[in-house]
Amino acid sequence: MESFRDDFHVISPRWKWRRDNYARFHVEDSILKMCMGPTEALYYSNAEISDGEFNQLPWSRGFFEVKARMTRLHYGSAGFGFWNHSMVVGESLPVWFIYLRARGPYPLQGFFAQLASKFYPLILFNKITIYKLATEILPFIAPIKIESSKPAAQDLDITKWHVYRIEWDGRTAKFYIDGTLIVELIEPKWSRVRGDVWIDNAVFYPPWRDAGMVYRHVTQENREEACLELDYVEIGGEKV
């Protein structure tokens, strides 16, 4: 098993640093601040670090641990974990914690554990019972599966420091918060993945009968800057 840990004393060349439009990085006192905004609704703004490229995904299975907090609840998304860098519906394989919030009628408003197309709510900003039932009865509405309508950690304050950990063996993903197992999800689909952390101003949406069969970005306006702060990231596992 290989592993590495970054305590963010400096801007490390170990990561691929991506910045789209209105976004920035800042390291101070061993804290990495990944910031997005202020940003207009029609522009995609994103701060992201990863340890692999689109066609060079290093991990076959492993663990991902981060100590993190958000400075505010912005409109868009943020998250951390593993991903195979594909937005193609049916091929995308996220294994991560993901925050999603939008102004409009978007059902996945909250903080979730996600494995492939399966979402388990940890915090919900809006109820999703009706949407959960609709996707079960009429799965063509959206190619996702909401595992529960009851959040597993509704009182969690994601603007406070917490340690988030994922253990993924290529089939089963276990999601821990501050050392406590919160959710376990199973998905037989497998892919090589990379470690990924980001904050942006978009939520994803799969348009029905989309010609590209991809999750599309729906960008949001943010009048204030929002940051995802990292104390450390540790990744380990089997490499391809």
C-alpha atoms as a PDB file:
ATOM      1  CA  MET A   1       0.000   0.000   0.000  1.00  0.00           C
ATOM      2  CA  GLU A   2       1.211   3.488  -0.891  1.00  0.00           C
ATOM      3  CA  SER A   3       0.182   6.690   0.859  1.00  0.00           C
ATOM      4  CA  PHE A   4       0.981  10.362   1.171  1.00  0.00           C
ATOM      5  CA  ARG A   5      -0.097  13.197   3.450  1.00  0.00           C
ATOM      6  CA  ASP A   6      -0.078  16.930   2.835  1.00  0.00           C
ATOM      7  CA  ASP A   7      -0.219  19.289   5.838  1.00  0.00           C
ATOM      8  CA  PHE A   8      -0.108  22.293   3.499  1.00  0.00           C
ATOM      9  CA  HIS A   9       3.010  24.012   4.728  1.00  0.00           C
ATOM     10  CA  VAL A  10       3.583  25.095   1.112  1.00  0.00           C
ATOM     11  CA  ILE A  11       1.924  24.842  -2.312  1.00  0.00           C
ATOM     12  CA  SER A  12       2.923  21.266  -3.101  1.00  0.00           C
ATOM     13  CA  PRO A  13       3.751  20.112  -6.664  1.00  0.00           C
ATOM     14  CA  ARG A  14       2.162  16.777  -5.708  1.00  0.00           C
ATOM     15  CA  TRP A  15      -1.223  18.233  -6.652  1.00  0.00           C
ATOM     16  CA  LYS A  16      -2.677  19.397  -9.936  1.00  0.00           C
ATOM     17  CA  TRP A  17      -3.897  22.930  -9.145  1.00  0.00           C
ATOM     18  CA  ARG A  18      -6.915  24.040 -11.184  1.00  0.00           C
ATOM     19  CA  ARG A  19      -8.481  27.484 -11.054  1.00  0.00           C
ATOM     20  CA  ASP A  20     -11.388  28.545 -13.271  1.00  0.00           C
ATOM     21  CA  ASN A  21     -12.338  32.225 -13.488  1.00  0.00           C
ATOM     22  CA  TYR A  22     -13.156  33.776 -10.106  1.00  0.00           C
ATOM     23  CA  ALA A  23     -11.252  31.510  -7.729  1.00  0.00           C
ATOM     24  CA  ARG A  24      -7.984  31.433  -5.774  1.00  0.00           C
ATOM     25  CA  PHE A  25      -5.709  29.413  -3.477  1.00  0.00           C
ATOM     26  CA  HIS A  26      -3.978  30.630  -0.348  1.00  0.00           C
ATOM     27  CA  VAL A  27      -1.719  28.796   2.138  1.00  0.00           C
ATOM     28  CA  GLU A  28      -1.147  30.285   5.573  1.00  0.00           C
ATOM     29  CA  ASP A  29      -0.390  28.723   8.988  1.00  0.00           C
ATOM     30  CA  SER A  30      -0.530  25.231   7.420  1.00  0.00           C
ATOM     31  CA  ILE A  31      -4.090  25.776   6.175  1.00  0.00           C
ATOM     32  CA  LEU A  32      -5.017  25.638   2.500  1.00  0.00           C
ATOM     33  CA  LYS A  33      -7.842  27.999   1.600  1.00  0.00           C
ATOM     34  CA  MET A  34      -9.591  27.119  -1.661  1.00  0.00           C
ATOM     35  CA  CYS A  35     -11.838  30.037  -2.504  1.00  0.00           C
ATOM     36  CA  MET A  36     -14.468  30.755  -5.128  1.00  0.00           C
ATOM     37  CA  GLY A  37     -16.257  34.022  -5.960  1.00  0.00           C
ATOM     38  CA  PRO A  38     -17.685  36.535  -5.972  1.00  0.00           C
ATOM     39  CA  THR A  39     -18.930  35.220  -9.285  1.00  0.00           C
ATOM     40  CA  GLU A  40     -21.681  35.888 -11.807  1.00  0.00           C
ATOM     41  CA  ALA A  41     -24.247  33.209 -12.538  1.00  0.00           C
ATOM     42  CA  LEU A  42     -23.236  32.669 -16.160  1.00  0.00           C
ATOM     43  CA  TYR A  43     -19.570  31.931 -15.443  1.00  0.00           C
ATOM     44  CA  TYR A  44     -18.131  28.715 -14.033  1.00  0.00           C
ATOM     45  CA  SER A  45     -15.763  29.441 -11.145  1.00  0.00           C
ATOM     46  CA  ASN A  46     -13.812  26.639  -9.503  1.00  0.00           C
ATOM     47  CA  ALA A  47     -10.831  25.962  -7.229  1.00  0.00           C
ATOM     48  CA  GLU A  48      -9.726  22.314  -7.313  1.00  0.00           C
ATOM     49  CA  ILE A  49      -6.800  20.086  -6.413  1.00  0.00           C
ATOM     50  CA  SER A  50      -6.316  16.521  -7.611  1.00  0.00           C
ATOM     51  CA  ASP A  51      -3.537  13.950  -7.742  1.00  0.00           C
ATOM     52  CA  GLY A  52      -4.252  12.630 -11.235  1.00  0.00           C
ATOM     53  CA  GLU A  53      -5.120  13.639 -14.769  1.00  0.00           C
ATOM     54  CA  PHE A  54      -8.092  12.834 -16.978  1.00  0.00           C
ATOM     55  CA  ASN A  55      -6.323   9.824 -18.504  1.00  0.00           C
ATOM     56  CA  GLN A  56      -3.877   9.146 -15.651  1.00  0.00           C
ATOM     57  CA  LEU A  57      -5.883   7.990 -12.636  1.00  0.00           C
ATOM     58  CA  PRO A  58      -3.543   6.554  -9.991  1.00  0.00           C
ATOM     59  CA  TRP A  59      -5.703   4.643  -7.488  1.00  0.00           C
ATOM     60  CA  SER A  60      -7.543   1.339  -7.799  1.00  0.00           C
ATOM     61  CA  ARG A  61      -8.918   1.410  -4.221  1.00  0.00           C
ATOM     62  CA  GLY A  62      -7.911   2.934  -0.915  1.00  0.00           C
ATOM     63  CA  PHE A  63      -8.720   5.564   1.696  1.00  0.00           C
ATOM     64  CA  PHE A  64      -9.099   9.332   1.604  1.00  0.00           C
ATOM     65  CA  GLU A  65      -9.022  11.446   4.771  1.00  0.00           C
ATOM     66  CA  VAL A  66      -9.292  15.206   5.175  1.00  0.00           C
ATOM     67  CA  LYS A  67      -9.747  17.683   8.009  1.00  0.00           C
ATOM     68  CA  ALA A  68     -11.891  20.424   6.543  1.00  0.00           C
ATOM     69  CA  ARG A  69     -14.435  23.154   7.067  1.00  0.00           C
ATOM     70  CA  MET A  70     -16.438  25.538   4.878  1.00  0.00           C
ATOM     71  CA  THR A  71     -16.472  29.267   5.579  1.00  0.00           C
ATOM     72  CA  ARG A  72     -20.076  29.726   4.458  1.00  0.00           C
ATOM     73  CA  LEU A  73     -22.959  27.908   2.751  1.00  0.00           C
ATOM     74  CA  HIS A  74     -22.615  29.168  -0.803  1.00  0.00           C
ATOM     75  CA  TYR A  75     -24.576  28.382  -3.965  1.00  0.00           C
ATOM     76  CA  GLY A  76     -22.800  25.650  -5.893  1.00  0.00           C
ATOM     77  CA  SER A  77     -20.932  22.565  -4.793  1.00  0.00           C
ATOM     78  CA  ALA A  78     -17.887  21.436  -2.827  1.00  0.00           C
ATOM     79  CA  GLY A  79     -16.483  18.100  -1.825  1.00  0.00           C
ATOM     80  CA  PHE A  80     -13.633  15.689  -1.359  1.00  0.00           C
ATOM     81  CA  GLY A  81     -12.824  12.053  -2.017  1.00  0.00           C
ATOM     82  CA  PHE A  82     -12.149   9.891  -5.066  1.00  0.00           C
ATOM     83  CA  TRP A  83     -13.376  10.420  -8.649  1.00  0.00           C
ATOM     84  CA  ASN A  84     -12.656   8.927 -12.065  1.00  0.00           C
ATOM     85  CA  HIS A  85     -12.857  12.354 -13.781  1.00  0.00           C
ATOM     86  CA  SER A  86     -15.874  11.582 -15.941  1.00  0.00           C
ATOM     87  CA  MET A  87     -19.216  13.388 -16.110  1.00  0.00           C
ATOM     88  CA  VAL A  88     -20.709  10.853 -18.520  1.00  0.00           C
ATOM     89  CA  VAL A  89     -23.946   9.444 -17.121  1.00  0.00           C
ATOM     90  CA  GLY A  90     -23.395   5.752 -16.451  1.00  0.00           C
ATOM     91  CA  GLU A  91     -19.598   6.049 -16.349  1.00  0.00           C
ATOM     92  CA  SER A  92     -18.984   8.680 -13.671  1.00  0.00           C
ATOM     93  CA  LEU A  93     -17.724   7.116 -10.432  1.00  0.00           C
ATOM     94  CA  PRO A  94     -17.519   9.554  -7.513  1.00  0.00           C
ATOM     95  CA  VAL A  95     -16.665   8.132  -4.095  1.00  0.00           C
ATOM     96  CA  TRP A  96     -16.883  11.269  -2.029  1.00  0.00           C
ATOM     97  CA  PHE A  97     -18.597  13.666   0.349  1.00  0.00           C
ATOM     98  CA  ILE A  98     -20.440  16.322  -1.659  1.00  0.00           C
ATOM     99  CA  TYR A  99     -22.188  19.589  -0.766  1.00  0.00           C
ATOM    100  CA  LEU A 100     -24.860  20.909  -3.164  1.00  0.00           C
ATOM    101  CA  ARG A 101     -26.986  24.058  -2.998  1.00  0.00           C
ATOM    102  CA  ALA A 102     -28.933  25.998  -5.642  1.00  0.00           C
ATOM    103  CA  ARG A 103     -31.420  28.827  -5.816  1.00  0.00           C
ATOM    104  CA  GLY A 104     -33.906  27.097  -8.081  1.00  0.00           C
ATOM    105  CA  PRO A 105     -35.970  23.890  -7.842  1.00  0.00           C
ATOM    106  CA  TYR A 106     -33.035  21.536  -7.431  1.00  0.00           C
ATOM    107  CA  PRO A 107     -33.710  18.391  -5.332  1.00  0.00           C
ATOM    108  CA  LEU A 108     -30.235  17.550  -4.009  1.00  0.00           C
ATOM    109  CA  GLN A 109     -29.857  20.453  -1.597  1.00  0.00           C
ATOM    110  CA  GLY A 110     -27.634  19.332   1.238  1.00  0.00           C
ATOM    111  CA  PHE A 111     -24.501  17.405   2.150  1.00  0.00           C
ATOM    112  CA  PHE A 112     -24.280  13.812   0.917  1.00  0.00           C
ATOM    113  CA  ALA A 113     -22.191  10.676   0.837  1.00  0.00           C
ATOM    114  CA  GLN A 114     -22.076   9.616  -2.809  1.00  0.00           C
ATOM    115  CA  LEU A 115     -20.953   6.376  -4.458  1.00  0.00           C
ATOM    116  CA  ALA A 116     -21.486   6.340  -8.224  1.00  0.00           C
ATOM    117  CA  SER A 117     -25.165   7.280  -8.725  1.00  0.00           C
ATOM    118  CA  LYS A 118     -26.155   6.557  -5.114  1.00  0.00           C
ATOM    119  CA  PHE A 119     -26.681   9.468  -2.715  1.00  0.00           C
ATOM    120  CA  TYR A 120     -27.138   9.156   1.034  1.00  0.00           C
ATOM    121  CA  PRO A 121     -28.130  12.460   2.696  1.00  0.00           C
ATOM    122  CA  LEU A 122     -26.108  13.551   5.713  1.00  0.00           C
ATOM    123  CA  ILE A 123     -27.634  17.043   5.926  1.00  0.00           C
ATOM    124  CA  LEU A 124     -30.709  18.241   4.037  1.00  0.00           C
ATOM    125  CA  PHE A 125     -31.668  21.853   3.378  1.00  0.00           C
ATOM    126  CA  ASN A 126     -34.992  20.783   1.803  1.00  0.00           C
ATOM    127  CA  LYS A 127     -37.097  17.632   2.071  1.00  0.00           C
ATOM    128  CA  ILE A 128     -36.600  15.148  -0.761  1.00  0.00           C
ATOM    129  CA  THR A 129     -39.233  12.492   0.025  1.00  0.00           C
ATOM    130  CA  ILE A 130     -41.356  13.178  -3.065  1.00  0.00           C
ATOM    131  CA  TYR A 131     -38.335  13.290  -5.366  1.00  0.00           C
ATOM    132  CA  LYS A 132     -36.984  10.065  -3.871  1.00  0.00           C
ATOM    133  CA  LEU A 133     -40.273   8.288  -4.598  1.00  0.00           C
ATOM    134  CA  ALA A 134     -40.469   9.764  -8.097  1.00  0.00           C
ATOM    135  CA  THR A 135     -37.009   8.521  -9.087  1.00  0.00           C
ATOM    136  CA  GLU A 136     -37.879   5.048  -7.819  1.00  0.00           C
ATOM    137  CA  ILE A 137     -41.167   4.880  -9.745  1.00  0.00           C
ATOM    138  CA  LEU A 138     -39.960   6.828 -12.819  1.00  0.00           C
ATOM    139  CA  PRO A 139     -36.174   6.330 -12.975  1.00  0.00           C
ATOM    140  CA  PHE A 140     -35.908   8.127 -16.317  1.00  0.00           C
ATOM    141  CA  ILE A 141     -36.433  11.425 -14.453  1.00  0.00           C
ATOM    142  CA  ALA A 142     -32.825  11.319 -13.274  1.00  0.00           C
ATOM    143  CA  PRO A 143     -30.178   8.559 -13.364  1.00  0.00           C
ATOM    144  CA  ILE A 144     -29.545   8.740  -9.616  1.00  0.00           C
ATOM    145  CA  LYS A 145     -30.768   6.875  -6.558  1.00  0.00           C
ATOM    146  CA  ILE A 146     -31.480   8.596  -3.258  1.00  0.00           C
ATOM    147  CA  GLU A 147     -30.844   5.994  -0.576  1.00  0.00           C
ATOM    148  CA  SER A 148     -32.874   7.636   2.187  1.00  0.00           C
ATOM    149  CA  SER A 149     -35.101  10.637   2.815  1.00  0.00           C
ATOM    150  CA  LYS A 150     -33.813  10.902   6.396  1.00  0.00           C
ATOM    151  CA  PRO A 151     -30.408  12.599   6.867  1.00  0.00           C
ATOM    152  CA  ALA A 152     -27.814  10.667   8.854  1.00  0.00           C
ATOM    153  CA  ALA A 153     -26.139  13.693  10.497  1.00  0.00           C
ATOM    154  CA  GLN A 154     -28.570  16.617  10.313  1.00  0.00           C
ATOM    155  CA  ASP A 155     -26.961  18.451  13.253  1.00  0.00           C
ATOM    156  CA  LEU A 156     -23.491  18.401  11.678  1.00  0.00           C
ATOM    157  CA  ASP A 157     -22.076  21.910  11.257  1.00  0.00           C
ATOM    158  CA  ILE A 158     -19.897  21.812   8.160  1.00  0.00           C
ATOM    159  CA  THR A 159     -18.553  25.309   8.902  1.00  0.00           C
ATOM    160  CA  LYS A 160     -16.707  23.752  11.874  1.00  0.00           C
ATOM    161  CA  TRP A 161     -13.592  21.568  11.628  1.00  0.00           C
ATOM    162  CA  HIS A 162     -14.306  17.855  11.135  1.00  0.00           C
ATOM    163  CA  VAL A 163     -12.287  14.858   9.977  1.00  0.00           C
ATOM    164  CA  TYR A 164     -13.902  13.117   7.005  1.00  0.00           C
ATOM    165  CA  ARG A 165     -12.685   9.699   5.908  1.00  0.00           C
ATOM    166  CA  ILE A 166     -13.619   7.302   3.105  1.00  0.00           C
ATOM    167  CA  GLU A 167     -12.527   3.680   2.901  1.00  0.00           C
ATOM    168  CA  TRP A 168     -13.224   2.138  -0.502  1.00  0.00           C
ATOM    169  CA  ASP A 169     -12.306  -1.412  -1.510  1.00  0.00           C
ATOM    170  CA  GLY A 170     -13.511  -1.135  -5.103  1.00  0.00           C
ATOM    171  CA  ARG A 171     -17.039  -2.207  -4.209  1.00  0.00           C
ATOM    172  CA  THR A 172     -17.975  -0.982  -0.723  1.00  0.00           C
ATOM    173  CA  ALA A 173     -17.442   2.582   0.469  1.00  0.00           C
ATOM    174  CA  LYS A 174     -17.516   3.439   4.165  1.00  0.00           C
ATOM    175  CA  PHE A 175     -17.941   7.093   5.138  1.00  0.00           C
ATOM    176  CA  TYR A 176     -16.680   8.290   8.521  1.00  0.00           C
ATOM    177  CA  ILE A 177     -16.994  11.647  10.277  1.00  0.00           C
ATOM    178  CA  ASP A 178     -14.732  12.281  13.273  1.00  0.00           C
ATOM    179  CA  GLY A 179     -13.991   8.568  13.541  1.00  0.00           C
ATOM    180  CA  THR A 180     -17.637   7.422  13.506  1.00  0.00           C
ATOM    181  CA  LEU A 181     -18.990   5.293  10.656  1.00  0.00           C
ATOM    182  CA  ILE A 182     -21.959   7.237   9.264  1.00  0.00           C
ATOM    183  CA  VAL A 183     -22.885   5.504   6.006  1.00  0.00           C
ATOM    184  CA  GLU A 184     -21.887   2.398   4.048  1.00  0.00           C
ATOM    185  CA  LEU A 185     -22.721   2.124   0.333  1.00  0.00           C
ATOM    186  CA  ILE A 186     -22.157  -0.720  -2.127  1.00  0.00           C
ATOM    187  CA  GLU A 187     -21.657  -0.377  -5.870  1.00  0.00           C
ATOM    188  CA  PRO A 188     -20.186  -3.123  -8.119  1.00  0.00           C
ATOM    189  CA  LYS A 189     -19.124  -0.655 -10.833  1.00  0.00           C
ATOM    190  CA  TRP A 190     -15.373  -0.060 -10.667  1.00  0.00           C
ATOM    191  CA  SER A 191     -12.914   2.362 -12.210  1.00  0.00           C
ATOM    192  CA  ARG A 192      -9.498   3.811 -11.546  1.00  0.00           C
ATOM    193  CA  VAL A 193      -9.793   7.079  -9.628  1.00  0.00           C
ATOM    194  CA  ARG A 194      -7.881  10.107  -8.404  1.00  0.00           C
ATOM    195  CA  GLY A 195      -8.047  12.083  -5.171  1.00  0.00           C
ATOM    196  CA  ASP A 196     -10.072  15.251  -5.627  1.00  0.00           C
ATOM    197  CA  VAL A 197     -11.060  18.332  -3.584  1.00  0.00           C
ATOM    198  CA  TRP A 198     -12.990  21.296  -4.991  1.00  0.00           C
ATOM    199  CA  ILE A 199     -15.311  24.232  -4.418  1.00  0.00           C
ATOM    200  CA  ASP A 200     -17.276  25.824  -7.265  1.00  0.00           C
ATOM    201  CA  ASN A 201     -20.442  27.722  -8.144  1.00  0.00           C
ATOM    202  CA  ALA A 202     -22.279  24.933  -9.962  1.00  0.00           C
ATOM    203  CA  VAL A 203     -24.579  22.036  -9.283  1.00  0.00           C
ATOM    204  CA  PHE A 204     -24.834  19.199 -11.773  1.00  0.00           C
ATOM    205  CA  TYR A 205     -27.997  18.317 -13.624  1.00  0.00           C
ATOM    206  CA  PRO A 206     -28.656  15.443 -16.044  1.00  0.00           C
ATOM    207  CA  PRO A 207     -31.003  16.804 -18.749  1.00  0.00           C
ATOM    208  CA  TRP A 208     -33.460  14.179 -19.928  1.00  0.00           C
ATOM    209  CA  ARG A 209     -32.355  12.666 -23.240  1.00  0.00           C
ATOM    210  CA  ASP A 210     -29.222  14.813 -23.308  1.00  0.00           C
ATOM    211  CA  ALA A 211     -27.287  14.340 -26.558  1.00  0.00           C
ATOM    212  CA  GLY A 212     -23.970  13.993 -24.736  1.00  0.00           C
ATOM    213  CA  MET A 213     -25.392  11.859 -21.904  1.00  0.00           C
ATOM    214  CA  VAL A 214     -23.456  13.927 -19.359  1.00  0.00           C
ATOM    215  CA  TYR A 215     -24.173  15.734 -16.115  1.00  0.00           C
ATOM    216  CA  ARG A 216     -24.347  19.430 -17.048  1.00  0.00           C
ATOM    217  CA  HIS A 217     -23.138  22.273 -14.822  1.00  0.00           C
ATOM    218  CA  VAL A 218     -25.832  24.709 -13.695  1.00  0.00           C
ATOM    219  CA  THR A 219     -23.906  27.767 -12.513  1.00  0.00           C
ATOM    220  CA  GLN A 220     -25.044  29.974  -9.631  1.00  0.00           C
ATOM    221  CA  GLU A 221     -24.456  33.603  -8.664  1.00  0.00           C
ATOM    222  CA  ASN A 222     -22.508  34.273  -5.464  1.00  0.00           C
ATOM    223  CA  ARG A 223     -22.150  37.841  -4.209  1.00  0.00           C
ATOM    224  CA  GLU A 224     -19.546  36.888  -1.616  1.00  0.00           C
ATOM    225  CA  GLU A 225     -16.451  34.738  -1.630  1.00  0.00           C
ATOM    226  CA  ALA A 226     -16.777  31.230  -0.174  1.00  0.00           C
ATOM    227  CA  CYS A 227     -13.855  29.046   0.875  1.00  0.00           C
ATOM    228  CA  LEU A 228     -13.167  25.423   1.665  1.00  0.00           C
ATOM    229  CA  GLU A 229     -10.332  25.216   4.209  1.00  0.00           C
ATOM    230  CA  LEU A 230      -8.120  22.142   4.557  1.00  0.00           C
ATOM    231  CA  ASP A 231      -5.884  21.352   7.519  1.00  0.00           C
ATOM    232  CA  TYR A 232      -4.519  18.178   5.905  1.00  0.00           C
ATOM    233  CA  VAL A 233      -5.287  15.532   3.296  1.00  0.00           C
ATOM    234  CA  GLU A 234      -4.068  11.936   3.495  1.00  0.00           C
ATOM    235  CA  ILE A 235      -4.553   9.400   0.693  1.00  0.00           C
ATOM    236  CA  GLY A 236      -3.463   5.780   0.581  1.00  0.00           C
ATOM    237  CA  GLY A 237      -4.248   2.526  -1.131  1.00  0.00           C
ATOM    238  CA  GLU A 238      -3.385   0.403  -4.119  1.00  0.00           C
ATOM    239  CA  LYS A 239      -2.069   2.005  -7.258  1.00  0.00           C
ATOM    240  CA  VAL A 240      -2.813   0.712 -10.710  1.00  0.00           C
END
